[in-house]
Amino acid sequence: MTAITTHVLDTARGKPAAGIPVTLSAQTSEGWVELGRGRTDADGRVANLMPAGALRATTFRLRFDLTDYSTFYPFVEITFTPQDDRHHHVPLLLSPFGYSTYRGS
């Protein structure tokens, strides 16, 4: 796995969501193990959350802490299983009462 990145966009405001804490975890036989964490920058992005030599996993989880950003959703979790070792970009699109995600490029 070369990289896992994310990008948070506020579709209601039409701008990036800055300052959102993001945690990357991997599923293991003992449960979830944290691999990395960061905050979205002014452009709503978090650079590679996958540290060098990190645990290889079949399933990952991105957790976005929205307690200071949104009152309806305190957090969003995106769980995904990569199909290859390429760079994986997993964006989150936010609105006041909904969210969506997709496999970015």
PDB file of N, CA and C in Angstrom:
ATOM      1  N   MET A   1       0.869  -1.171   0.000  1.00  0.00           N
ATOM      2  CA  MET A   1       0.000   0.000   0.000  1.00  0.00           C
ATOM      3  C   MET A   1       0.906   1.221   0.000  1.00  0.00           C
ATOM      4  N   THR A   2       0.830   2.019  -1.029  1.00  0.00           N
ATOM      5  CA  THR A   2       1.720   3.166  -1.106  1.00  0.00           C
ATOM      6  C   THR A   2       1.203   4.375  -0.348  1.00  0.00           C
ATOM      7  N   ALA A   3      -0.101   4.631  -0.393  1.00  0.00           N
ATOM      8  CA  ALA A   3      -0.630   5.815   0.278  1.00  0.00           C
ATOM      9  C   ALA A   3      -2.133   5.706   0.462  1.00  0.00           C
ATOM     10  N   ILE A   4      -2.599   6.291   1.556  1.00  0.00           N
ATOM     11  CA  ILE A   4      -4.028   6.502   1.764  1.00  0.00           C
ATOM     12  C   ILE A   4      -4.180   7.967   2.115  1.00  0.00           C
ATOM     13  N   THR A   5      -4.940   8.687   1.287  1.00  0.00           N
ATOM     14  CA  THR A   5      -5.178  10.112   1.501  1.00  0.00           C
ATOM     15  C   THR A   5      -6.670  10.363   1.521  1.00  0.00           C
ATOM     16  N   THR A   6      -7.048  11.557   1.998  1.00  0.00           N
ATOM     17  CA  THR A   6      -8.458  11.926   2.019  1.00  0.00           C
ATOM     18  C   THR A   6      -8.601  13.421   1.780  1.00  0.00           C
ATOM     19  N   HIS A   7      -9.812  13.825   1.547  1.00  0.00           N
ATOM     20  CA  HIS A   7     -10.145  15.204   1.218  1.00  0.00           C
ATOM     21  C   HIS A   7     -11.577  15.412   1.699  1.00  0.00           C
ATOM     22  N   VAL A   8     -11.832  16.453   2.477  1.00  0.00           N
ATOM     23  CA  VAL A   8     -13.185  16.711   2.978  1.00  0.00           C
ATOM     24  C   VAL A   8     -13.684  18.010   2.368  1.00  0.00           C
ATOM     25  N   LEU A   9     -14.818  17.920   1.681  1.00  0.00           N
ATOM     26  CA  LEU A   9     -15.437  19.093   1.064  1.00  0.00           C
ATOM     27  C   LEU A   9     -16.806  19.331   1.673  1.00  0.00           C
ATOM     28  N   ASP A  10     -17.087  20.585   2.004  1.00  0.00           N
ATOM     29  CA  ASP A  10     -18.389  20.980   2.526  1.00  0.00           C
ATOM     30  C   ASP A  10     -19.220  21.436   1.332  1.00  0.00           C
ATOM     31  N   THR A  11     -20.128  20.589   0.869  1.00  0.00           N
ATOM     32  CA  THR A  11     -20.895  20.903  -0.339  1.00  0.00           C
ATOM     33  C   THR A  11     -21.935  21.991  -0.101  1.00  0.00           C
ATOM     34  N   ALA A  12     -22.377  22.204   1.131  1.00  0.00           N
ATOM     35  CA  ALA A  12     -23.337  23.265   1.423  1.00  0.00           C
ATOM     36  C   ALA A  12     -22.671  24.634   1.362  1.00  0.00           C
ATOM     37  N   ARG A  13     -21.434  24.698   1.818  1.00  0.00           N
ATOM     38  CA  ARG A  13     -20.697  25.962   1.817  1.00  0.00           C
ATOM     39  C   ARG A  13     -19.890  26.159   0.551  1.00  0.00           C
ATOM     40  N   GLY A  14     -19.708  25.083  -0.192  1.00  0.00           N
ATOM     41  CA  GLY A  14     -18.949  25.161  -1.434  1.00  0.00           C
ATOM     42  C   GLY A  14     -17.470  25.396  -1.221  1.00  0.00           C
ATOM     43  N   LYS A  15     -16.917  24.802  -0.149  1.00  0.00           N
ATOM     44  CA  LYS A  15     -15.495  24.993   0.129  1.00  0.00           C
ATOM     45  C   LYS A  15     -14.943  23.796   0.904  1.00  0.00           C
ATOM     46  N   PRO A  16     -13.626  23.689   0.992  1.00  0.00           N
ATOM     47  CA  PRO A  16     -13.022  22.609   1.767  1.00  0.00           C
ATOM     48  C   PRO A  16     -13.347  22.747   3.251  1.00  0.00           C
ATOM     49  N   ALA A  17     -13.384  21.625   3.939  1.00  0.00           N
ATOM     50  CA  ALA A  17     -13.611  21.605   5.382  1.00  0.00           C
ATOM     51  C   ALA A  17     -12.251  21.479   6.066  1.00  0.00           C
ATOM     52  N   ALA A  18     -11.774  22.572   6.629  1.00  0.00           N
ATOM     53  CA  ALA A  18     -10.450  22.598   7.274  1.00  0.00           C
ATOM     54  C   ALA A  18     -10.554  22.255   8.751  1.00  0.00           C
ATOM     55  N   GLY A  19      -9.469  21.669   9.295  1.00  0.00           N
ATOM     56  CA  GLY A  19      -9.370  21.422  10.726  1.00  0.00           C
ATOM     57  C   GLY A  19     -10.076  20.185  11.239  1.00  0.00           C
ATOM     58  N   ILE A  20     -10.507  19.286  10.355  1.00  0.00           N
ATOM     59  CA  ILE A  20     -11.217  18.071  10.775  1.00  0.00           C
ATOM     60  C   ILE A  20     -10.197  16.997  11.186  1.00  0.00           C
ATOM     61  N   PRO A  21     -10.277  16.476  12.414  1.00  0.00           N
ATOM     62  CA  PRO A  21      -9.399  15.374  12.802  1.00  0.00           C
ATOM     63  C   PRO A  21      -9.789  14.086  12.069  1.00  0.00           C
ATOM     64  N   VAL A  22      -8.781  13.381  11.547  1.00  0.00           N
ATOM     65  CA  VAL A  22      -9.003  12.136  10.798  1.00  0.00           C
ATOM     66  C   VAL A  22      -8.063  11.068  11.355  1.00  0.00           C
ATOM     67  N   THR A  23      -8.601   9.870  11.567  1.00  0.00           N
ATOM     68  CA  THR A  23      -7.808   8.743  12.048  1.00  0.00           C
ATOM     69  C   THR A  23      -7.928   7.593  11.060  1.00  0.00           C
ATOM     70  N   LEU A  24      -6.795   6.959  10.739  1.00  0.00           N
ATOM     71  CA  LEU A  24      -6.776   5.766   9.892  1.00  0.00           C
ATOM     72  C   LEU A  24      -6.480   4.555  10.775  1.00  0.00           C
ATOM     73  N   SER A  25      -7.328   3.523  10.660  1.00  0.00           N
ATOM     74  CA  SER A  25      -7.134   2.280  11.408  1.00  0.00           C
ATOM     75  C   SER A  25      -7.188   1.107  10.449  1.00  0.00           C
ATOM     76  N   ALA A  26      -6.595  -0.012  10.887  1.00  0.00           N
ATOM     77  CA  ALA A  26      -6.614  -1.250  10.110  1.00  0.00           C
ATOM     78  C   ALA A  26      -7.272  -2.338  10.950  1.00  0.00           C
ATOM     79  N   GLN A  27      -8.036  -3.189  10.290  1.00  0.00           N
ATOM     80  CA  GLN A  27      -8.677  -4.292  10.983  1.00  0.00           C
ATOM     81  C   GLN A  27      -7.704  -5.464  11.075  1.00  0.00           C
ATOM     82  N   THR A  28      -7.540  -5.989  12.282  1.00  0.00           N
ATOM     83  CA  THR A  28      -6.684  -7.147  12.510  1.00  0.00           C
ATOM     84  C   THR A  28      -7.506  -8.223  13.213  1.00  0.00           C
ATOM     85  N   SER A  29      -6.898  -9.362  13.457  1.00  0.00           N
ATOM     86  CA  SER A  29      -7.607 -10.432  14.163  1.00  0.00           C
ATOM     87  C   SER A  29      -7.929 -10.033  15.603  1.00  0.00           C
ATOM     88  N   GLU A  30      -7.198  -9.055  16.162  1.00  0.00           N
ATOM     89  CA  GLU A  30      -7.453  -8.576  17.530  1.00  0.00           C
ATOM     90  C   GLU A  30      -8.390  -7.366  17.564  1.00  0.00           C
ATOM     91  N   GLY A  31      -8.807  -6.863  16.417  1.00  0.00           N
ATOM     92  CA  GLY A  31      -9.658  -5.675  16.358  1.00  0.00           C
ATOM     93  C   GLY A  31      -9.004  -4.580  15.535  1.00  0.00           C
ATOM     94  N   TRP A  32      -9.417  -3.346  15.757  1.00  0.00           N
ATOM     95  CA  TRP A  32      -8.906  -2.202  15.004  1.00  0.00           C
ATOM     96  C   TRP A  32      -7.629  -1.664  15.635  1.00  0.00           C
ATOM     97  N   VAL A  33      -6.629  -1.363  14.784  1.00  0.00           N
ATOM     98  CA  VAL A  33      -5.348  -0.821  15.213  1.00  0.00           C
ATOM     99  C   VAL A  33      -5.130   0.510  14.498  1.00  0.00           C
ATOM    100  N   GLU A  34      -4.867   1.559  15.257  1.00  0.00           N
ATOM    101  CA  GLU A  34      -4.628   2.874  14.661  1.00  0.00           C
ATOM    102  C   GLU A  34      -3.285   2.894  13.945  1.00  0.00           C
ATOM    103  N   LEU A  35      -3.306   3.397  12.712  1.00  0.00           N
ATOM    104  CA  LEU A  35      -2.085   3.504  11.906  1.00  0.00           C
ATOM    105  C   LEU A  35      -1.579   4.936  11.801  1.00  0.00           C
ATOM    106  N   GLY A  36      -2.498   5.892  11.738  1.00  0.00           N
ATOM    107  CA  GLY A  36      -2.091   7.278  11.564  1.00  0.00           C
ATOM    108  C   GLY A  36      -3.235   8.219  11.860  1.00  0.00           C
ATOM    109  N   ARG A  37      -2.872   9.487  12.052  1.00  0.00           N
ATOM    110  CA  ARG A  37      -3.886  10.508  12.284  1.00  0.00           C
ATOM    111  C   ARG A  37      -3.390  11.849  11.787  1.00  0.00           C
ATOM    112  N   GLY A  38      -4.337  12.740  11.549  1.00  0.00           N
ATOM    113  CA  GLY A  38      -3.989  14.079  11.089  1.00  0.00           C
ATOM    114  C   GLY A  38      -5.217  14.965  11.097  1.00  0.00           C
ATOM    115  N   ARG A  39      -5.053  16.194  10.627  1.00  0.00           N
ATOM    116  CA  ARG A  39      -6.162  17.150  10.488  1.00  0.00           C
ATOM    117  C   ARG A  39      -6.183  17.649   9.057  1.00  0.00           C
ATOM    118  N   THR A  40      -7.385  17.911   8.573  1.00  0.00           N
ATOM    119  CA  THR A  40      -7.472  18.465   7.228  1.00  0.00           C
ATOM    120  C   THR A  40      -6.847  19.860   7.219  1.00  0.00           C
ATOM    121  N   ASP A  41      -6.122  20.148   6.135  1.00  0.00           N
ATOM    122  CA  ASP A  41      -5.480  21.453   6.003  1.00  0.00           C
ATOM    123  C   ASP A  41      -6.468  22.468   5.430  1.00  0.00           C
ATOM    124  N   ALA A  42      -5.997  23.636   5.074  1.00  0.00           N
ATOM    125  CA  ALA A  42      -6.867  24.699   4.549  1.00  0.00           C
ATOM    126  C   ALA A  42      -7.585  24.279   3.274  1.00  0.00           C
ATOM    127  N   ASP A  43      -7.014  23.320   2.545  1.00  0.00           N
ATOM    128  CA  ASP A  43      -7.637  22.808   1.323  1.00  0.00           C
ATOM    129  C   ASP A  43      -8.498  21.572   1.605  1.00  0.00           C
ATOM    130  N   GLY A  44      -8.684  21.230   2.884  1.00  0.00           N
ATOM    131  CA  GLY A  44      -9.516  20.085   3.261  1.00  0.00           C
ATOM    132  C   GLY A  44      -8.836  18.742   3.086  1.00  0.00           C
ATOM    133  N   ARG A  45      -7.525  18.739   2.885  1.00  0.00           N
ATOM    134  CA  ARG A  45      -6.800  17.494   2.592  1.00  0.00           C
ATOM    135  C   ARG A  45      -5.966  17.024   3.771  1.00  0.00           C
ATOM    136  N   VAL A  46      -5.770  15.703   3.820  1.00  0.00           N
ATOM    137  CA  VAL A  46      -4.805  15.092   4.722  1.00  0.00           C
ATOM    138  C   VAL A  46      -3.877  14.273   3.848  1.00  0.00           C
ATOM    139  N   ALA A  47      -2.592  14.565   3.957  1.00  0.00           N
ATOM    140  CA  ALA A  47      -1.594  13.824   3.180  1.00  0.00           C
ATOM    141  C   ALA A  47      -1.580  12.376   3.651  1.00  0.00           C
ATOM    142  N   ASN A  48      -0.673  11.625   3.153  1.00  0.00           N
ATOM    143  CA  ASN A  48      -0.610  10.193   3.417  1.00  0.00           C
ATOM    144  C   ASN A  48      -0.739   9.861   4.901  1.00  0.00           C
ATOM    145  N   LEU A  49      -1.784   9.122   5.253  1.00  0.00           N
ATOM    146  CA  LEU A  49      -2.000   8.674   6.623  1.00  0.00           C
ATOM    147  C   LEU A  49      -1.336   7.332   6.892  1.00  0.00           C
ATOM    148  N   MET A  50      -0.818   6.696   5.845  1.00  0.00           N
ATOM    149  CA  MET A  50      -0.208   5.375   5.968  1.00  0.00           C
ATOM    150  C   MET A  50       1.281   5.534   6.221  1.00  0.00           C
ATOM    151  N   PRO A  51       1.745   5.275   7.446  1.00  0.00           N
ATOM    152  CA  PRO A  51       3.175   5.423   7.725  1.00  0.00           C
ATOM    153  C   PRO A  51       4.009   4.364   7.015  1.00  0.00           C
ATOM    154  N   ALA A  52       5.268   4.693   6.762  1.00  0.00           N
ATOM    155  CA  ALA A  52       6.177   3.736   6.124  1.00  0.00           C
ATOM    156  C   ALA A  52       6.256   2.481   6.980  1.00  0.00           C
ATOM    157  N   GLY A  53       6.212   1.338   6.335  1.00  0.00           N
ATOM    158  CA  GLY A  53       6.296   0.067   7.042  1.00  0.00           C
ATOM    159  C   GLY A  53       5.051  -0.284   7.830  1.00  0.00           C
ATOM    160  N   ALA A  54       3.941   0.376   7.537  1.00  0.00           N
ATOM    161  CA  ALA A  54       2.706   0.132   8.288  1.00  0.00           C
ATOM    162  C   ALA A  54       2.168  -1.266   8.032  1.00  0.00           C
ATOM    163  N   LEU A  55       1.365  -1.686   8.955  1.00  0.00           N
ATOM    164  CA  LEU A  55       0.693  -2.966   8.879  1.00  0.00           C
ATOM    165  C   LEU A  55      -0.098  -3.086   7.585  1.00  0.00           C
ATOM    166  N   ARG A  56       0.067  -4.173   6.899  1.00  0.00           N
ATOM    167  CA  ARG A  56      -0.754  -4.421   5.714  1.00  0.00           C
ATOM    168  C   ARG A  56      -2.077  -4.996   6.190  1.00  0.00           C
ATOM    169  N   ALA A  57      -3.138  -4.515   5.668  1.00  0.00           N
ATOM    170  CA  ALA A  57      -4.459  -4.975   6.094  1.00  0.00           C
ATOM    171  C   ALA A  57      -5.346  -5.162   4.883  1.00  0.00           C
ATOM    172  N   THR A  58      -6.392  -5.915   5.068  1.00  0.00           N
ATOM    173  CA  THR A  58      -7.353  -6.064   3.984  1.00  0.00           C
ATOM    174  C   THR A  58      -8.463  -5.042   4.112  1.00  0.00           C
ATOM    175  N   THR A  59      -8.708  -4.545   5.327  1.00  0.00           N
ATOM    176  CA  THR A  59      -9.779  -3.579   5.540  1.00  0.00           C
ATOM    177  C   THR A  59      -9.256  -2.409   6.377  1.00  0.00           C
ATOM    178  N   PHE A  60      -9.571  -1.199   5.921  1.00  0.00           N
ATOM    179  CA  PHE A  60      -9.174   0.015   6.608  1.00  0.00           C
ATOM    180  C   PHE A  60     -10.404   0.816   7.001  1.00  0.00           C
ATOM    181  N   ARG A  61     -10.216   1.727   7.965  1.00  0.00           N
ATOM    182  CA  ARG A  61     -11.305   2.613   8.402  1.00  0.00           C
ATOM    183  C   ARG A  61     -10.754   4.022   8.565  1.00  0.00           C
ATOM    184  N   LEU A  62     -11.407   4.968   7.920  1.00  0.00           N
ATOM    185  CA  LEU A  62     -11.146   6.387   8.140  1.00  0.00           C
ATOM    186  C   LEU A  62     -12.254   6.907   9.049  1.00  0.00           C
ATOM    187  N   ARG A  63     -11.857   7.550  10.142  1.00  0.00           N
ATOM    188  CA  ARG A  63     -12.848   8.132  11.053  1.00  0.00           C
ATOM    189  C   ARG A  63     -12.635   9.642  11.076  1.00  0.00           C
ATOM    190  N   PHE A  64     -13.698  10.370  10.760  1.00  0.00           N
ATOM    191  CA  PHE A  64     -13.687  11.830  10.716  1.00  0.00           C
ATOM    192  C   PHE A  64     -14.436  12.336  11.946  1.00  0.00           C
ATOM    193  N   ASP A  65     -13.750  13.081  12.805  1.00  0.00           N
ATOM    194  CA  ASP A  65     -14.362  13.626  14.022  1.00  0.00           C
ATOM    195  C   ASP A  65     -14.984  14.976  13.674  1.00  0.00           C
ATOM    196  N   LEU A  66     -16.305  15.021  13.648  1.00  0.00           N
ATOM    197  CA  LEU A  66     -17.022  16.223  13.217  1.00  0.00           C
ATOM    198  C   LEU A  66     -17.664  16.982  14.373  1.00  0.00           C
ATOM    199  N   THR A  67     -17.302  16.650  15.614  1.00  0.00           N
ATOM    200  CA  THR A  67     -17.969  17.269  16.767  1.00  0.00           C
ATOM    201  C   THR A  67     -17.845  18.789  16.774  1.00  0.00           C
ATOM    202  N   ASP A  68     -16.735  19.329  16.308  1.00  0.00           N
ATOM    203  CA  ASP A  68     -16.572  20.783  16.273  1.00  0.00           C
ATOM    204  C   ASP A  68     -17.026  21.394  14.949  1.00  0.00           C
ATOM    205  N   TYR A  69     -17.410  20.556  13.996  1.00  0.00           N
ATOM    206  CA  TYR A  69     -17.780  21.051  12.665  1.00  0.00           C
ATOM    207  C   TYR A  69     -19.269  20.913  12.385  1.00  0.00           C
ATOM    208  N   SER A  70     -19.857  19.832  12.830  1.00  0.00           N
ATOM    209  CA  SER A  70     -21.250  19.536  12.509  1.00  0.00           C
ATOM    210  C   SER A  70     -21.982  19.131  13.780  1.00  0.00           C
ATOM    211  N   THR A  71     -23.196  19.592  13.948  1.00  0.00           N
ATOM    212  CA  THR A  71     -23.943  19.203  15.142  1.00  0.00           C
ATOM    213  C   THR A  71     -24.797  17.963  14.919  1.00  0.00           C
ATOM    214  N   PHE A  72     -25.113  17.606  13.685  1.00  0.00           N
ATOM    215  CA  PHE A  72     -25.967  16.453  13.423  1.00  0.00           C
ATOM    216  C   PHE A  72     -25.182  15.148  13.420  1.00  0.00           C
ATOM    217  N   TYR A  73     -24.032  15.123  12.749  1.00  0.00           N
ATOM    218  CA  TYR A  73     -23.186  13.929  12.706  1.00  0.00           C
ATOM    219  C   TYR A  73     -21.944  14.175  13.569  1.00  0.00           C
ATOM    220  N   PRO A  74     -21.813  13.505  14.709  1.00  0.00           N
ATOM    221  CA  PRO A  74     -20.616  13.727  15.523  1.00  0.00           C
ATOM    222  C   PRO A  74     -19.358  13.129  14.888  1.00  0.00           C
ATOM    223  N   PHE A  75     -19.536  12.082  14.087  1.00  0.00           N
ATOM    224  CA  PHE A  75     -18.416  11.486  13.360  1.00  0.00           C
ATOM    225  C   PHE A  75     -18.947  10.714  12.162  1.00  0.00           C
ATOM    226  N   VAL A  76     -18.042  10.483  11.217  1.00  0.00           N
ATOM    227  CA  VAL A  76     -18.334   9.653  10.050  1.00  0.00           C
ATOM    228  C   VAL A  76     -17.210   8.636   9.955  1.00  0.00           C
ATOM    229  N   GLU A  77     -17.575   7.375   9.721  1.00  0.00           N
ATOM    230  CA  GLU A  77     -16.579   6.337   9.500  1.00  0.00           C
ATOM    231  C   GLU A  77     -16.765   5.763   8.100  1.00  0.00           C
ATOM    232  N   ILE A  78     -15.665   5.666   7.382  1.00  0.00           N
ATOM    233  CA  ILE A  78     -15.667   5.063   6.055  1.00  0.00           C
ATOM    234  C   ILE A  78     -14.770   3.831   6.134  1.00  0.00           C
ATOM    235  N   THR A  79     -15.348   2.674   5.912  1.00  0.00           N
ATOM    236  CA  THR A  79     -14.608   1.420   5.945  1.00  0.00           C
ATOM    237  C   THR A  79     -14.480   0.913   4.515  1.00  0.00           C
ATOM    238  N   PHE A  80     -13.250   0.522   4.131  1.00  0.00           N
ATOM    239  CA  PHE A  80     -13.039   0.103   2.748  1.00  0.00           C
ATOM    240  C   PHE A  80     -11.973  -0.977   2.675  1.00  0.00           C
ATOM    241  N   THR A  81     -12.045  -1.764   1.613  1.00  0.00           N
ATOM    242  CA  THR A  81     -11.095  -2.846   1.365  1.00  0.00           C
ATOM    243  C   THR A  81     -10.436  -2.616   0.012  1.00  0.00           C
ATOM    244  N   PRO A  82      -9.173  -2.168   0.003  1.00  0.00           N
ATOM    245  CA  PRO A  82      -8.479  -1.958  -1.270  1.00  0.00           C
ATOM    246  C   PRO A  82      -8.346  -3.254  -2.058  1.00  0.00           C
ATOM    247  N   GLN A  83      -8.397  -3.136  -3.365  1.00  0.00           N
ATOM    248  CA  GLN A  83      -8.276  -4.296  -4.238  1.00  0.00           C
ATOM    249  C   GLN A  83      -6.868  -4.444  -4.801  1.00  0.00           C
ATOM    250  N   ASP A  84      -5.994  -3.464  -4.523  1.00  0.00           N
ATOM    251  CA  ASP A  84      -4.617  -3.505  -5.025  1.00  0.00           C
ATOM    252  C   ASP A  84      -3.749  -2.617  -4.137  1.00  0.00           C
ATOM    253  N   ASP A  85      -2.472  -2.492  -4.460  1.00  0.00           N
ATOM    254  CA  ASP A  85      -1.528  -1.720  -3.655  1.00  0.00           C
ATOM    255  C   ASP A  85      -1.300  -0.300  -4.166  1.00  0.00           C
ATOM    256  N   ARG A  86      -2.188   0.206  -4.989  1.00  0.00           N
ATOM    257  CA  ARG A  86      -2.036   1.566  -5.503  1.00  0.00           C
ATOM    258  C   ARG A  86      -2.387   2.603  -4.437  1.00  0.00           C
ATOM    259  N   HIS A  87      -2.136   3.854  -4.764  1.00  0.00           N
ATOM    260  CA  HIS A  87      -2.560   4.975  -3.932  1.00  0.00           C
ATOM    261  C   HIS A  87      -4.092   4.967  -3.853  1.00  0.00           C
ATOM    262  N   HIS A  88      -4.618   5.117  -2.653  1.00  0.00           N
ATOM    263  CA  HIS A  88      -6.070   5.166  -2.475  1.00  0.00           C
ATOM    264  C   HIS A  88      -6.448   6.518  -1.876  1.00  0.00           C
ATOM    265  N   HIS A  89      -7.269   7.257  -2.616  1.00  0.00           N
ATOM    266  CA  HIS A  89      -7.773   8.553  -2.184  1.00  0.00           C
ATOM    267  C   HIS A  89      -9.260   8.381  -1.910  1.00  0.00           C
ATOM    268  N   VAL A  90      -9.673   8.651  -0.656  1.00  0.00           N
ATOM    269  CA  VAL A  90     -11.060   8.419  -0.242  1.00  0.00           C
ATOM    270  C   VAL A  90     -11.635   9.734   0.283  1.00  0.00           C
ATOM    271  N   PRO A  91     -12.295  10.517  -0.567  1.00  0.00           N
ATOM    272  CA  PRO A  91     -12.863  11.797  -0.161  1.00  0.00           C
ATOM    273  C   PRO A  91     -14.188  11.638   0.604  1.00  0.00           C
ATOM    274  N   LEU A  92     -14.495  12.671   1.392  1.00  0.00           N
ATOM    275  CA  LEU A  92     -15.774  12.762   2.097  1.00  0.00           C
ATOM    276  C   LEU A  92     -16.431  14.068   1.691  1.00  0.00           C
ATOM    277  N   LEU A  93     -17.663  13.986   1.233  1.00  0.00           N
ATOM    278  CA  LEU A  93     -18.451  15.169   0.879  1.00  0.00           C
ATOM    279  C   LEU A  93     -19.505  15.369   1.962  1.00  0.00           C
ATOM    280  N   LEU A  94     -19.501  16.538   2.605  1.00  0.00           N
ATOM    281  CA  LEU A  94     -20.412  16.827   3.714  1.00  0.00           C
ATOM    282  C   LEU A  94     -21.485  17.821   3.324  1.00  0.00           C
ATOM    283  N   SER A  95     -22.659  17.654   3.895  1.00  0.00           N
ATOM    284  CA  SER A  95     -23.722  18.657   3.850  1.00  0.00           C
ATOM    285  C   SER A  95     -24.377  18.625   5.236  1.00  0.00           C
ATOM    286  N   PRO A  96     -25.235  19.568   5.570  1.00  0.00           N
ATOM    287  CA  PRO A  96     -25.774  19.616   6.929  1.00  0.00           C
ATOM    288  C   PRO A  96     -26.452  18.319   7.398  1.00  0.00           C
ATOM    289  N   PHE A  97     -27.150  17.629   6.520  1.00  0.00           N
ATOM    290  CA  PHE A  97     -27.877  16.436   6.946  1.00  0.00           C
ATOM    291  C   PHE A  97     -27.593  15.228   6.068  1.00  0.00           C
ATOM    292  N   GLY A  98     -26.392  15.185   5.504  1.00  0.00           N
ATOM    293  CA  GLY A  98     -26.014  14.042   4.686  1.00  0.00           C
ATOM    294  C   GLY A  98     -24.536  14.077   4.353  1.00  0.00           C
ATOM    295  N   TYR A  99     -24.044  12.946   3.888  1.00  0.00           N
ATOM    296  CA  TYR A  99     -22.660  12.860   3.440  1.00  0.00           C
ATOM    297  C   TYR A  99     -22.544  11.743   2.422  1.00  0.00           C
ATOM    298  N   SER A 100     -21.483  11.796   1.623  1.00  0.00           N
ATOM    299  CA  SER A 100     -21.221  10.732   0.665  1.00  0.00           C
ATOM    300  C   SER A 100     -19.708  10.605   0.498  1.00  0.00           C
ATOM    301  N   THR A 101     -19.314   9.505  -0.125  1.00  0.00           N
ATOM    302  CA  THR A 101     -17.908   9.238  -0.353  1.00  0.00           C
ATOM    303  C   THR A 101     -17.763   8.496  -1.661  1.00  0.00           C
ATOM    304  N   TYR A 102     -16.547   8.394  -2.144  1.00  0.00           N
ATOM    305  CA  TYR A 102     -16.283   7.660  -3.383  1.00  0.00           C
ATOM    306  C   TYR A 102     -14.808   7.319  -3.420  1.00  0.00           C
ATOM    307  N   ARG A 103     -14.429   6.438  -4.320  1.00  0.00           N
ATOM    308  CA  ARG A 103     -13.025   6.088  -4.530  1.00  0.00           C
ATOM    309  C   ARG A 103     -12.459   7.133  -5.463  1.00  0.00           C
ATOM    310  N   GLY A 104     -11.629   8.011  -4.946  1.00  0.00           N
ATOM    311  CA  GLY A 104     -11.049   9.092  -5.753  1.00  0.00           C
ATOM    312  C   GLY A 104      -9.839   8.606  -6.540  1.00  0.00           C
ATOM    313  N   SER A 105      -9.218   9.556  -7.206  1.00  0.00           N
ATOM    314  CA  SER A 105      -8.032   9.207  -7.996  1.00  0.00           C
ATOM    315  C   SER A 105      -6.838  10.010  -7.529  1.00  0.00           C
TER     316      SER A 105
END
